[in-house]
PDB file of N, CA and C in Angstrom:
ATOM      1  N   MET A   1     -13.112 -10.821 -22.710  1.00  0.00           N
ATOM      2  CA  MET A   1     -11.760 -11.187 -23.125  1.00  0.00           C
ATOM      3  C   MET A   1     -10.854 -11.299 -21.899  1.00  0.00           C
ATOM      4  N   LYS A   2     -10.053 -12.325 -21.892  1.00  0.00           N
ATOM      5  CA  LYS A   2      -9.114 -12.562 -20.796  1.00  0.00           C
ATOM      6  C   LYS A   2      -8.032 -11.486 -20.798  1.00  0.00           C
ATOM      7  N   GLN A   3      -7.633 -11.069 -19.595  1.00  0.00           N
ATOM      8  CA  GLN A   3      -6.557 -10.088 -19.481  1.00  0.00           C
ATOM      9  C   GLN A   3      -5.404 -10.678 -18.676  1.00  0.00           C
ATOM     10  N   TYR A   4      -4.221 -10.161 -18.950  1.00  0.00           N
ATOM     11  CA  TYR A   4      -3.004 -10.612 -18.290  1.00  0.00           C
ATOM     12  C   TYR A   4      -2.256  -9.381 -17.787  1.00  0.00           C
ATOM     13  N   TYR A   5      -1.463  -9.569 -16.751  1.00  0.00           N
ATOM     14  CA  TYR A   5      -0.849  -8.424 -16.077  1.00  0.00           C
ATOM     15  C   TYR A   5       0.618  -8.668 -15.769  1.00  0.00           C
ATOM     16  N   VAL A   6       1.409  -7.616 -15.929  1.00  0.00           N
ATOM     17  CA  VAL A   6       2.767  -7.551 -15.399  1.00  0.00           C
ATOM     18  C   VAL A   6       2.689  -6.550 -14.258  1.00  0.00           C
ATOM     19  N   TYR A   7       3.311  -6.876 -13.142  1.00  0.00           N
ATOM     20  CA  TYR A   7       3.213  -5.991 -11.985  1.00  0.00           C
ATOM     21  C   TYR A   7       4.542  -5.887 -11.252  1.00  0.00           C
ATOM     22  N   ILE A   8       4.656  -4.789 -10.506  1.00  0.00           N
ATOM     23  CA  ILE A   8       5.831  -4.599  -9.654  1.00  0.00           C
ATOM     24  C   ILE A   8       5.339  -4.345  -8.237  1.00  0.00           C
ATOM     25  N   LEU A   9       5.915  -5.096  -7.306  1.00  0.00           N
ATOM     26  CA  LEU A   9       5.630  -4.939  -5.879  1.00  0.00           C
ATOM     27  C   LEU A   9       6.872  -4.401  -5.187  1.00  0.00           C
ATOM     28  N   THR A  10       6.637  -3.784  -4.041  1.00  0.00           N
ATOM     29  CA  THR A  10       7.735  -3.356  -3.191  1.00  0.00           C
ATOM     30  C   THR A  10       7.363  -3.639  -1.733  1.00  0.00           C
ATOM     31  N   ASN A  11       8.284  -3.349  -0.834  1.00  0.00           N
ATOM     32  CA  ASN A  11       8.010  -3.492   0.598  1.00  0.00           C
ATOM     33  C   ASN A  11       7.580  -2.132   1.160  1.00  0.00           C
ATOM     34  N   LYS A  12       7.303  -2.075   2.451  1.00  0.00           N
ATOM     35  CA  LYS A  12       6.777  -0.829   3.031  1.00  0.00           C
ATOM     36  C   LYS A  12       7.760   0.339   2.948  1.00  0.00           C
ATOM     37  N   ASN A  13       9.062   0.045   2.878  1.00  0.00           N
ATOM     38  CA  ASN A  13      10.068   1.108   2.780  1.00  0.00           C
ATOM     39  C   ASN A  13      10.487   1.400   1.347  1.00  0.00           C
ATOM     40  N   ASN A  14       9.847   0.736   0.381  1.00  0.00           N
ATOM     41  CA  ASN A  14      10.143   0.910  -1.049  1.00  0.00           C
ATOM     42  C   ASN A  14      11.603   0.605  -1.391  1.00  0.00           C
ATOM     43  N   THR A  15      12.169  -0.389  -0.726  1.00  0.00           N
ATOM     44  CA  THR A  15      13.580  -0.714  -0.960  1.00  0.00           C
ATOM     45  C   THR A  15      13.782  -2.009  -1.748  1.00  0.00           C
ATOM     46  N   VAL A  16      12.779  -2.868  -1.789  1.00  0.00           N
ATOM     47  CA  VAL A  16      12.880  -4.144  -2.491  1.00  0.00           C
ATOM     48  C   VAL A  16      11.873  -4.119  -3.643  1.00  0.00           C
ATOM     49  N   LEU A  17      12.280  -4.593  -4.822  1.00  0.00           N
ATOM     50  CA  LEU A  17      11.377  -4.645  -5.969  1.00  0.00           C
ATOM     51  C   LEU A  17      11.207  -6.082  -6.441  1.00  0.00           C
ATOM     52  N   TYR A  18       9.990  -6.414  -6.830  1.00  0.00           N
ATOM     53  CA  TYR A  18       9.675  -7.732  -7.367  1.00  0.00           C
ATOM     54  C   TYR A  18       8.780  -7.549  -8.580  1.00  0.00           C
ATOM     55  N   THR A  19       9.116  -8.198  -9.685  1.00  0.00           N
ATOM     56  CA  THR A  19       8.313  -8.136 -10.906  1.00  0.00           C
ATOM     57  C   THR A  19       7.682  -9.494 -11.139  1.00  0.00           C
ATOM     58  N   GLY A  20       6.380  -9.495 -11.423  1.00  0.00           N
ATOM     59  CA  GLY A  20       5.676 -10.746 -11.663  1.00  0.00           C
ATOM     60  C   GLY A  20       4.679 -10.625 -12.799  1.00  0.00           C
ATOM     61  N   VAL A  21       4.068 -11.753 -13.130  1.00  0.00           N
ATOM     62  CA  VAL A  21       3.065 -11.822 -14.189  1.00  0.00           C
ATOM     63  C   VAL A  21       1.923 -12.707 -13.701  1.00  0.00           C
ATOM     64  N   THR A  22       0.688 -12.388 -14.097  1.00  0.00           N
ATOM     65  CA  THR A  22      -0.468 -13.154 -13.650  1.00  0.00           C
ATOM     66  C   THR A  22      -1.642 -12.955 -14.606  1.00  0.00           C
ATOM     67  N   ASN A  23      -2.615 -13.839 -14.496  1.00  0.00           N
ATOM     68  CA  ASN A  23      -3.853 -13.661 -15.252  1.00  0.00           C
ATOM     69  C   ASN A  23      -4.988 -13.179 -14.348  1.00  0.00           C
ATOM     70  N   SER A  24      -4.691 -12.989 -13.062  1.00  0.00           N
ATOM     71  CA  SER A  24      -5.676 -12.471 -12.108  1.00  0.00           C
ATOM     72  C   SER A  24      -4.944 -11.580 -11.099  1.00  0.00           C
ATOM     73  N   LEU A  25      -4.889 -10.305 -11.388  1.00  0.00           N
ATOM     74  CA  LEU A  25      -4.097  -9.381 -10.566  1.00  0.00           C
ATOM     75  C   LEU A  25      -4.607  -9.308  -9.134  1.00  0.00           C
ATOM     76  N   THR A  26      -5.905  -9.194  -8.952  1.00  0.00           N
ATOM     77  CA  THR A  26      -6.464  -9.101  -7.597  1.00  0.00           C
ATOM     78  C   THR A  26      -6.107 -10.328  -6.765  1.00  0.00           C
ATOM     79  N   ARG A  27      -6.323 -11.519  -7.345  1.00  0.00           N
ATOM     80  CA  ARG A  27      -6.020 -12.759  -6.632  1.00  0.00           C
ATOM     81  C   ARG A  27      -4.535 -12.854  -6.312  1.00  0.00           C
ATOM     82  N   ARG A  28      -3.689 -12.549  -7.290  1.00  0.00           N
ATOM     83  CA  ARG A  28      -2.249 -12.719  -7.102  1.00  0.00           C
ATOM     84  C   ARG A  28      -1.690 -11.760  -6.056  1.00  0.00           C
ATOM     85  N   ILE A  29      -2.142 -10.525  -6.071  1.00  0.00           N
ATOM     86  CA  ILE A  29      -1.655  -9.565  -5.077  1.00  0.00           C
ATOM     87  C   ILE A  29      -2.147  -9.969  -3.693  1.00  0.00           C
ATOM     88  N   TRP A  30      -3.394 -10.439  -3.610  1.00  0.00           N
ATOM     89  CA  TRP A  30      -3.920 -10.931  -2.338  1.00  0.00           C
ATOM     90  C   TRP A  30      -3.047 -12.079  -1.821  1.00  0.00           C
ATOM     91  N   GLU A  31      -2.614 -12.978  -2.717  1.00  0.00           N
ATOM     92  CA  GLU A  31      -1.739 -14.078  -2.312  1.00  0.00           C
ATOM     93  C   GLU A  31      -0.418 -13.554  -1.755  1.00  0.00           C
ATOM     94  N   HIS A  32       0.131 -12.520  -2.382  1.00  0.00           N
ATOM     95  CA  HIS A  32       1.365 -11.923  -1.852  1.00  0.00           C
ATOM     96  C   HIS A  32       1.105 -11.297  -0.481  1.00  0.00           C
ATOM     97  N   LYS A  33       0.006 -10.570  -0.355  1.00  0.00           N
ATOM     98  CA  LYS A  33      -0.299  -9.868   0.898  1.00  0.00           C
ATOM     99  C   LYS A  33      -0.549 -10.818   2.058  1.00  0.00           C
ATOM    100  N   THR A  34      -1.125 -11.983   1.773  1.00  0.00           N
ATOM    101  CA  THR A  34      -1.443 -12.937   2.836  1.00  0.00           C
ATOM    102  C   THR A  34      -0.354 -13.993   3.025  1.00  0.00           C
ATOM    103  N   HIS A  35       0.735 -13.873   2.256  1.00  0.00           N
ATOM    104  CA  HIS A  35       1.888 -14.766   2.370  1.00  0.00           C
ATOM    105  C   HIS A  35       1.521 -16.242   2.198  1.00  0.00           C
ATOM    106  N   ILE A  36       0.579 -16.514   1.319  1.00  0.00           N
ATOM    107  CA  ILE A  36       0.162 -17.897   1.055  1.00  0.00           C
ATOM    108  C   ILE A  36       1.278 -18.697   0.403  1.00  0.00           C
ATOM    109  N   VAL A  37       2.034 -18.056  -0.468  1.00  0.00           N
ATOM    110  CA  VAL A  37       3.076 -18.757  -1.217  1.00  0.00           C
ATOM    111  C   VAL A  37       4.451 -18.419  -0.635  1.00  0.00           C
ATOM    112  N   ASP A  38       5.217 -19.470  -0.338  1.00  0.00           N
ATOM    113  CA  ASP A  38       6.581 -19.264   0.145  1.00  0.00           C
ATOM    114  C   ASP A  38       7.441 -18.704  -0.986  1.00  0.00           C
ATOM    115  N   GLY A  39       8.477 -17.987  -0.617  1.00  0.00           N
ATOM    116  CA  GLY A  39       9.408 -17.483  -1.617  1.00  0.00           C
ATOM    117  C   GLY A  39       9.872 -16.075  -1.313  1.00  0.00           C
ATOM    118  N   PHE A  40      10.369 -15.422  -2.349  1.00  0.00           N
ATOM    119  CA  PHE A  40      10.989 -14.102  -2.236  1.00  0.00           C
ATOM    120  C   PHE A  40      10.067 -13.067  -1.588  1.00  0.00           C
ATOM    121  N   THR A  41       8.835 -12.959  -2.085  1.00  0.00           N
ATOM    122  CA  THR A  41       7.957 -11.899  -1.578  1.00  0.00           C
ATOM    123  C   THR A  41       7.566 -12.132  -0.122  1.00  0.00           C
ATOM    124  N   LYS A  42       7.416 -13.377   0.255  1.00  0.00           N
ATOM    125  CA  LYS A  42       7.117 -13.678   1.662  1.00  0.00           C
ATOM    126  C   LYS A  42       8.334 -13.389   2.541  1.00  0.00           C
ATOM    127  N   ARG A  43       9.485 -13.816   2.089  1.00  0.00           N
ATOM    128  CA  ARG A  43      10.729 -13.640   2.853  1.00  0.00           C
ATOM    129  C   ARG A  43      11.030 -12.163   3.103  1.00  0.00           C
ATOM    130  N   TYR A  44      10.794 -11.326   2.093  1.00  0.00           N
ATOM    131  CA  TYR A  44      11.138  -9.906   2.208  1.00  0.00           C
ATOM    132  C   TYR A  44       9.918  -9.001   2.413  1.00  0.00           C
ATOM    133  N   ASN A  45       8.765  -9.608   2.698  1.00  0.00           N
ATOM    134  CA  ASN A  45       7.525  -8.878   2.963  1.00  0.00           C
ATOM    135  C   ASN A  45       7.224  -7.854   1.851  1.00  0.00           C
ATOM    136  N   VAL A  46       7.274  -8.328   0.637  1.00  0.00           N
ATOM    137  CA  VAL A  46       7.032  -7.497  -0.543  1.00  0.00           C
ATOM    138  C   VAL A  46       5.550  -7.648  -0.912  1.00  0.00           C
ATOM    139  N   THR A  47       4.740  -6.672  -0.496  1.00  0.00           N
ATOM    140  CA  THR A  47       3.285  -6.808  -0.630  1.00  0.00           C
ATOM    141  C   THR A  47       2.598  -5.572  -1.211  1.00  0.00           C
ATOM    142  N   LYS A  48       3.334  -4.536  -1.494  1.00  0.00           N
ATOM    143  CA  LYS A  48       2.739  -3.265  -1.937  1.00  0.00           C
ATOM    144  C   LYS A  48       2.801  -3.148  -3.465  1.00  0.00           C
ATOM    145  N   LEU A  49       1.639  -3.153  -4.092  1.00  0.00           N
ATOM    146  CA  LEU A  49       1.561  -3.019  -5.543  1.00  0.00           C
ATOM    147  C   LEU A  49       1.775  -1.559  -5.927  1.00  0.00           C
ATOM    148  N   VAL A  50       2.808  -1.297  -6.731  1.00  0.00           N
ATOM    149  CA  VAL A  50       3.108   0.083  -7.121  1.00  0.00           C
ATOM    150  C   VAL A  50       3.057   0.307  -8.628  1.00  0.00           C
ATOM    151  N   TYR A  51       2.915  -0.781  -9.390  1.00  0.00           N
ATOM    152  CA  TYR A  51       2.917  -0.632 -10.845  1.00  0.00           C
ATOM    153  C   TYR A  51       2.289  -1.868 -11.481  1.00  0.00           C
ATOM    154  N   PHE A  52       1.507  -1.652 -12.553  1.00  0.00           N
ATOM    155  CA  PHE A  52       1.047  -2.783 -13.357  1.00  0.00           C
ATOM    156  C   PHE A  52       0.683  -2.335 -14.757  1.00  0.00           C
ATOM    157  N   GLU A  53       0.748  -3.290 -15.675  1.00  0.00           N
ATOM    158  CA  GLU A  53       0.358  -3.093 -17.061  1.00  0.00           C
ATOM    159  C   GLU A  53      -0.604  -4.214 -17.433  1.00  0.00           C
ATOM    160  N   ILE A  54      -1.521  -3.933 -18.350  1.00  0.00           N
ATOM    161  CA  ILE A  54      -2.543  -4.894 -18.774  1.00  0.00           C
ATOM    162  C   ILE A  54      -2.294  -5.302 -20.226  1.00  0.00           C
ATOM    163  N   PHE A  55      -2.441  -6.600 -20.495  1.00  0.00           N
ATOM    164  CA  PHE A  55      -2.257  -7.144 -21.836  1.00  0.00           C
ATOM    165  C   PHE A  55      -3.405  -8.085 -22.182  1.00  0.00           C
ATOM    166  N   ASN A  56      -3.599  -8.302 -23.477  1.00  0.00           N
ATOM    167  CA  ASN A  56      -4.625  -9.230 -23.948  1.00  0.00           C
ATOM    168  C   ASN A  56      -4.062 -10.597 -24.317  1.00  0.00           C
ATOM    169  N   LYS A  57      -2.758 -10.651 -24.567  1.00  0.00           N
ATOM    170  CA  LYS A  57      -2.135 -11.907 -24.967  1.00  0.00           C
ATOM    171  C   LYS A  57      -1.060 -12.316 -23.967  1.00  0.00           C
ATOM    172  N   PRO A  58      -1.080 -13.599 -23.553  1.00  0.00           N
ATOM    173  CA  PRO A  58      -0.060 -14.076 -22.612  1.00  0.00           C
ATOM    174  C   PRO A  58       1.358 -13.873 -23.144  1.00  0.00           C
ATOM    175  N   SER A  59       1.570 -14.079 -24.432  1.00  0.00           N
ATOM    176  CA  SER A  59       2.913 -13.949 -24.993  1.00  0.00           C
ATOM    177  C   SER A  59       3.437 -12.521 -24.859  1.00  0.00           C
ATOM    178  N   ASP A  60       2.572 -11.528 -25.071  1.00  0.00           N
ATOM    179  CA  ASP A  60       2.978 -10.128 -24.899  1.00  0.00           C
ATOM    180  C   ASP A  60       3.302  -9.832 -23.442  1.00  0.00           C
ATOM    181  N   THR A  61       2.542 -10.430 -22.556  1.00  0.00           N
ATOM    182  CA  THR A  61       2.737 -10.223 -21.118  1.00  0.00           C
ATOM    183  C   THR A  61       4.091 -10.764 -20.674  1.00  0.00           C
ATOM    184  N   ILE A  62       4.387 -11.968 -21.095  1.00  0.00           N
ATOM    185  CA  ILE A  62       5.651 -12.607 -20.712  1.00  0.00           C
ATOM    186  C   ILE A  62       6.832 -11.862 -21.330  1.00  0.00           C
ATOM    187  N   LYS A  63       6.673 -11.420 -22.570  1.00  0.00           N
ATOM    188  CA  LYS A  63       7.731 -10.640 -23.229  1.00  0.00           C
ATOM    189  C   LYS A  63       8.022  -9.363 -22.443  1.00  0.00           C
ATOM    190  N   ARG A  64       6.965  -8.679 -22.002  1.00  0.00           N
ATOM    191  CA  ARG A  64       7.133  -7.440 -21.244  1.00  0.00           C
ATOM    192  C   ARG A  64       7.755  -7.711 -19.881  1.00  0.00           C
ATOM    193  N   GLU A  65       7.346  -8.776 -19.220  1.00  0.00           N
ATOM    194  CA  GLU A  65       7.929  -9.125 -17.925  1.00  0.00           C
ATOM    195  C   GLU A  65       9.437  -9.344 -18.066  1.00  0.00           C
ATOM    196  N   LYS A  66       9.832 -10.055 -19.105  1.00  0.00           N
ATOM    197  CA  LYS A  66      11.259 -10.311 -19.331  1.00  0.00           C
ATOM    198  C   LYS A  66      12.015  -9.013 -19.601  1.00  0.00           C
ATOM    199  N   GLN A  67      11.363  -8.101 -20.339  1.00  0.00           N
ATOM    200  CA  GLN A  67      11.959  -6.781 -20.613  1.00  0.00           C
ATOM    201  C   GLN A  67      12.220  -6.032 -19.316  1.00  0.00           C
ATOM    202  N   ILE A  68      11.198  -5.991 -18.459  1.00  0.00           N
ATOM    203  CA  ILE A  68      11.311  -5.270 -17.189  1.00  0.00           C
ATOM    204  C   ILE A  68      12.373  -5.926 -16.305  1.00  0.00           C
ATOM    205  N   LYS A  69      12.325  -7.244 -16.182  1.00  0.00           N
ATOM    206  CA  LYS A  69      13.288  -7.955 -15.338  1.00  0.00           C
ATOM    207  C   LYS A  69      14.724  -7.783 -15.832  1.00  0.00           C
ATOM    208  N   ALA A  70      14.899  -7.677 -17.139  1.00  0.00           N
ATOM    209  CA  ALA A  70      16.240  -7.523 -17.707  1.00  0.00           C
ATOM    210  C   ALA A  70      16.793  -6.120 -17.487  1.00  0.00           C
ATOM    211  N   GLY A  71      15.911  -5.178 -17.211  1.00  0.00           N
ATOM    212  CA  GLY A  71      16.345  -3.796 -16.995  1.00  0.00           C
ATOM    213  C   GLY A  71      16.967  -3.607 -15.624  1.00  0.00           C
ATOM    214  N   SER A  72      17.652  -2.530 -15.475  1.00  0.00           N
ATOM    215  CA  SER A  72      18.304  -2.214 -14.205  1.00  0.00           C
ATOM    216  C   SER A  72      17.270  -1.783 -13.163  1.00  0.00           C
ATOM    217  N   ARG A  73      17.696  -1.761 -11.934  1.00  0.00           N
ATOM    218  CA  ARG A  73      16.843  -1.257 -10.851  1.00  0.00           C
ATOM    219  C   ARG A  73      16.428   0.187 -11.150  1.00  0.00           C
ATOM    220  N   LYS A  74      17.374   0.970 -11.667  1.00  0.00           N
ATOM    221  CA  LYS A  74      17.105   2.361 -12.016  1.00  0.00           C
ATOM    222  C   LYS A  74      15.958   2.452 -13.031  1.00  0.00           C
ATOM    223  N   LYS A  75      15.969   1.578 -14.029  1.00  0.00           N
ATOM    224  CA  LYS A  75      14.908   1.573 -15.052  1.00  0.00           C
ATOM    225  C   LYS A  75      13.550   1.231 -14.433  1.00  0.00           C
ATOM    226  N   LYS A  76      13.547   0.294 -13.502  1.00  0.00           N
ATOM    227  CA  LYS A  76      12.295  -0.084 -12.836  1.00  0.00           C
ATOM    228  C   LYS A  76      11.757   1.093 -12.013  1.00  0.00           C
ATOM    229  N   ILE A  77      12.648   1.771 -11.323  1.00  0.00           N
ATOM    230  CA  ILE A  77      12.251   2.932 -10.525  1.00  0.00           C
ATOM    231  C   ILE A  77      11.704   4.035 -11.423  1.00  0.00           C
ATOM    232  N   GLU A  78      12.342   4.263 -12.558  1.00  0.00           N
ATOM    233  CA  GLU A  78      11.855   5.264 -13.513  1.00  0.00           C
ATOM    234  C   GLU A  78      10.470   4.898 -14.027  1.00  0.00           C
ATOM    235  N   LEU A  79      10.248   3.621 -14.290  1.00  0.00           N
ATOM    236  CA  LEU A  79       8.954   3.132 -14.763  1.00  0.00           C
ATOM    237  C   LEU A  79       7.870   3.407 -13.726  1.00  0.00           C
ATOM    238  N   ILE A  80       8.157   3.087 -12.481  1.00  0.00           N
ATOM    239  CA  ILE A  80       7.199   3.326 -11.393  1.00  0.00           C
ATOM    240  C   ILE A  80       6.960   4.821 -11.234  1.00  0.00           C
ATOM    241  N   ASN A  81       8.035   5.600 -11.201  1.00  0.00           N
ATOM    242  CA  ASN A  81       7.903   7.055 -10.995  1.00  0.00           C
ATOM    243  C   ASN A  81       7.081   7.734 -12.081  1.00  0.00           C
ATOM    244  N   LYS A  82       7.146   7.208 -13.291  1.00  0.00           N
ATOM    245  CA  LYS A  82       6.408   7.804 -14.403  1.00  0.00           C
ATOM    246  C   LYS A  82       4.886   7.703 -14.192  1.00  0.00           C
ATOM    247  N   LEU A  83       4.433   6.555 -13.690  1.00  0.00           N
ATOM    248  CA  LEU A  83       2.989   6.335 -13.524  1.00  0.00           C
ATOM    249  C   LEU A  83       2.491   6.477 -12.090  1.00  0.00           C
ATOM    250  N   ASN A  84       3.382   6.337 -11.131  1.00  0.00           N
ATOM    251  CA  ASN A  84       2.983   6.372  -9.726  1.00  0.00           C
ATOM    252  C   ASN A  84       4.088   7.050  -8.909  1.00  0.00           C
ATOM    253  N   PRO A  85       4.295   8.362  -9.123  1.00  0.00           N
ATOM    254  CA  PRO A  85       5.438   9.062  -8.520  1.00  0.00           C
ATOM    255  C   PRO A  85       5.470   9.045  -6.986  1.00  0.00           C
ATOM    256  N   LYS A  86       4.337   8.883  -6.349  1.00  0.00           N
ATOM    257  CA  LYS A  86       4.321   8.823  -4.871  1.00  0.00           C
ATOM    258  C   LYS A  86       4.398   7.391  -4.351  1.00  0.00           C
ATOM    259  N   TRP A  87       4.488   6.448  -5.259  1.00  0.00           N
ATOM    260  CA  TRP A  87       4.555   5.031  -4.908  1.00  0.00           C
ATOM    261  C   TRP A  87       3.374   4.623  -4.021  1.00  0.00           C
ATOM    262  N   ASN A  88       2.201   5.084  -4.379  1.00  0.00           N
ATOM    263  CA  ASN A  88       0.991   4.727  -3.645  1.00  0.00           C
ATOM    264  C   ASN A  88       0.645   3.259  -3.855  1.00  0.00           C
ATOM    265  N   GLU A  89      -0.002   2.678  -2.882  1.00  0.00           N
ATOM    266  CA  GLU A  89      -0.517   1.310  -2.979  1.00  0.00           C
ATOM    267  C   GLU A  89      -1.641   1.292  -4.011  1.00  0.00           C
ATOM    268  N   LEU A  90      -1.538   0.409  -5.006  1.00  0.00           N
ATOM    269  CA  LEU A  90      -2.525   0.357  -6.088  1.00  0.00           C
ATOM    270  C   LEU A  90      -3.463  -0.845  -5.985  1.00  0.00           C
ATOM    271  N   TYR A  91      -3.387  -1.589  -4.912  1.00  0.00           N
ATOM    272  CA  TYR A  91      -4.186  -2.815  -4.794  1.00  0.00           C
ATOM    273  C   TYR A  91      -5.670  -2.562  -5.002  1.00  0.00           C
ATOM    274  N   ASN A  92      -6.207  -1.478  -4.448  1.00  0.00           N
ATOM    275  CA  ASN A  92      -7.644  -1.215  -4.610  1.00  0.00           C
ATOM    276  C   ASN A  92      -8.030  -1.021  -6.076  1.00  0.00           C
ATOM    277  N   LEU A  93      -7.120  -0.532  -6.896  1.00  0.00           N
ATOM    278  CA  LEU A  93      -7.402  -0.400  -8.330  1.00  0.00           C
ATOM    279  C   LEU A  93      -7.613  -1.752  -8.998  1.00  0.00           C
ATOM    280  N   THR A  94      -6.999  -2.795  -8.453  1.00  0.00           N
ATOM    281  CA  THR A  94      -7.114  -4.112  -9.069  1.00  0.00           C
ATOM    282  C   THR A  94      -8.548  -4.612  -9.032  1.00  0.00           C
ATOM    283  N   LEU A  95      -9.326  -4.123  -8.089  1.00  0.00           N
ATOM    284  CA  LEU A  95     -10.728  -4.554  -7.986  1.00  0.00           C
ATOM    285  C   LEU A  95     -11.512  -4.151  -9.230  1.00  0.00           C
ATOM    286  N   LEU A  96     -11.045  -3.152  -9.951  1.00  0.00           N
ATOM    287  CA  LEU A  96     -11.692  -2.720 -11.189  1.00  0.00           C
ATOM    288  C   LEU A  96     -11.415  -3.683 -12.335  1.00  0.00           C
ATOM    289  N   TYR A  97     -10.384  -4.509 -12.191  1.00  0.00           N
ATOM    290  CA  TYR A  97      -9.944  -5.388 -13.290  1.00  0.00           C
ATOM    291  C   TYR A  97     -10.230  -6.853 -13.025  1.00  0.00           C
ATOM    292  N   LYS A  98     -11.192  -7.134 -12.196  1.00  0.00           N
ATOM    293  CA  LYS A  98     -11.517  -8.533 -11.874  1.00  0.00           C
ATOM    294  C   LYS A  98     -12.063  -9.259 -13.084  1.00  0.00           C
TER     295      LYS A  98
END
């Protein structure tokens, strides 16, 4: 079954947050890390995966992404702190979800 992901990235100082959605978490995070795609994450060097959720339906994934994006920065930080209080890099975990 196909899986879909909502994720939050930050920079090395944990000061910038970016929320995205993808159907291939490993590939997408690798694209952010290697700066293949121009834009916000490349400009602000936002490459550290600190949070993600897994979904089975694209519509649920997009709905959740919009929920997270609509929330305040404080809400995003609370979300990350709940599951990853040390803000560890989670990229290696994505290899389990290929």
